[in-house]
Amino acid sequence: MSVTFELPTQIENTLRRRVADFDAQAKESALVEMYRQGRISHFELAEALGLSRYQVDGVLKRHGVVEDLLTLDEFQQELKYNDGAAGA
């Protein structure tokens, strides 16, 4: 899935000069905000960013998000995902 949004050309050009991978930064920021709002789970955030649970903790820390404990459902989902990855 692709998500796009419009920025004034001058602002986009400035951001692309200042931010090494602006597209990845925008994606990460949008997903972290969705997590912060409770719209996606920790597991979904990790999956969308292609990161491990521990790497996502680092991303959240960089964005100043104080993480709550995983819910039982998230924990079970992560276990199921890790079991499937281990068998691959």
Protein backbone atom coordinates (compact mmCIF):
# COMPACT_ATOMS: atom_id res chain seq x y z
CA MET A 1 0.00 0.00 0.00
CA SER A 2 1.22 3.44 -0.82
CA VAL A 3 0.25 6.58 1.06
CA THR A 4 0.99 10.03 -0.29
CA PHE A 5 0.42 13.56 0.85
CA GLU A 6 1.09 16.92 -0.72
CA LEU A 7 3.58 19.49 0.55
CA PRO A 8 4.41 22.84 -0.94
CA THR A 9 7.32 22.26 -3.35
CA GLN A 10 9.71 24.55 -1.47
CA ILE A 11 9.08 22.77 1.84
CA GLU A 12 9.46 19.35 0.24
CA ASN A 13 12.74 20.35 -1.40
CA THR A 14 14.06 21.75 1.87
CA LEU A 15 13.12 18.59 3.78
CA ARG A 16 14.64 16.31 1.16
CA ARG A 17 17.92 18.25 1.43
CA ARG A 18 17.94 18.16 5.23
CA VAL A 19 16.66 14.62 5.86
CA ALA A 20 18.67 11.73 4.41
CA ASP A 21 15.67 9.45 3.72
CA PHE A 22 12.67 11.72 4.00
CA ASP A 23 10.18 9.07 2.81
CA ALA A 24 11.29 6.57 5.46
CA GLN A 25 11.26 9.28 8.14
CA ALA A 26 7.72 10.32 7.19
CA LYS A 27 6.55 6.70 7.24
CA GLU A 28 8.12 6.07 10.65
CA SER A 29 6.67 9.26 12.12
CA ALA A 30 3.16 8.52 10.82
CA LEU A 31 3.23 4.95 12.14
CA VAL A 32 4.58 6.02 15.54
CA GLU A 33 1.79 8.59 15.79
CA MET A 34 -0.79 5.89 14.96
CA TYR A 35 0.73 3.76 17.73
CA ARG A 36 0.69 6.70 20.15
CA GLN A 37 -3.03 7.20 19.42
CA GLY A 38 -3.74 3.50 20.01
CA ARG A 39 -4.77 2.89 16.39
CA ILE A 40 -2.15 0.16 15.83
CA SER A 41 -0.50 -2.26 18.24
CA HIS A 42 3.17 -2.58 19.09
CA PHE A 43 3.26 -5.76 17.00
CA GLU A 44 1.68 -3.99 14.01
CA LEU A 45 4.16 -1.13 14.34
CA ALA A 46 7.07 -3.58 14.34
CA GLU A 47 5.66 -5.44 11.35
CA ALA A 48 5.02 -2.25 9.35
CA LEU A 49 8.55 -0.99 10.01
CA GLY A 50 10.15 -4.40 9.47
CA LEU A 51 11.76 -4.31 12.90
CA SER A 52 11.97 -6.52 15.99
CA ARG A 53 10.14 -5.68 19.20
CA TYR A 54 13.37 -4.38 20.73
CA GLN A 55 14.22 -2.25 17.71
CA VAL A 56 10.74 -0.72 17.86
CA ASP A 57 11.33 0.12 21.51
CA GLY A 58 14.33 2.17 20.34
CA VAL A 59 12.22 3.91 17.68
CA LEU A 60 9.56 4.76 20.25
CA LYS A 61 12.20 6.07 22.64
CA ARG A 62 13.63 8.32 19.89
CA HIS A 63 10.13 9.71 19.33
CA GLY A 64 9.58 10.27 23.06
CA VAL A 65 6.83 7.67 23.34
CA VAL A 66 6.63 6.05 26.75
CA GLU A 67 5.51 2.52 26.11
CA ASP A 68 2.99 0.68 28.20
CA LEU A 69 3.31 -3.04 28.77
CA LEU A 70 2.18 -5.33 25.97
CA THR A 71 -1.37 -6.58 26.19
CA LEU A 72 -1.90 -10.33 26.46
CA ASP A 73 -3.21 -10.36 22.88
CA GLU A 74 -0.11 -8.52 21.59
CA PHE A 75 2.17 -10.88 23.50
CA GLN A 76 0.43 -13.95 22.06
CA GLN A 77 0.50 -12.43 18.58
CA GLU A 78 4.23 -11.80 18.90
CA LEU A 79 4.84 -15.36 20.12
CA LYS A 80 2.89 -16.76 17.17
CA TYR A 81 4.84 -14.57 14.74
CA ASN A 82 8.20 -15.53 16.26
CA ASP A 83 7.32 -19.25 16.22
CA GLY A 84 6.43 -18.98 12.53
CA ALA A 85 9.65 -17.09 11.77
CA ALA A 86 11.71 -19.69 13.62
CA GLY A 87 10.20 -22.50 11.57
CA ALA A 88 10.93 -20.78 8.26
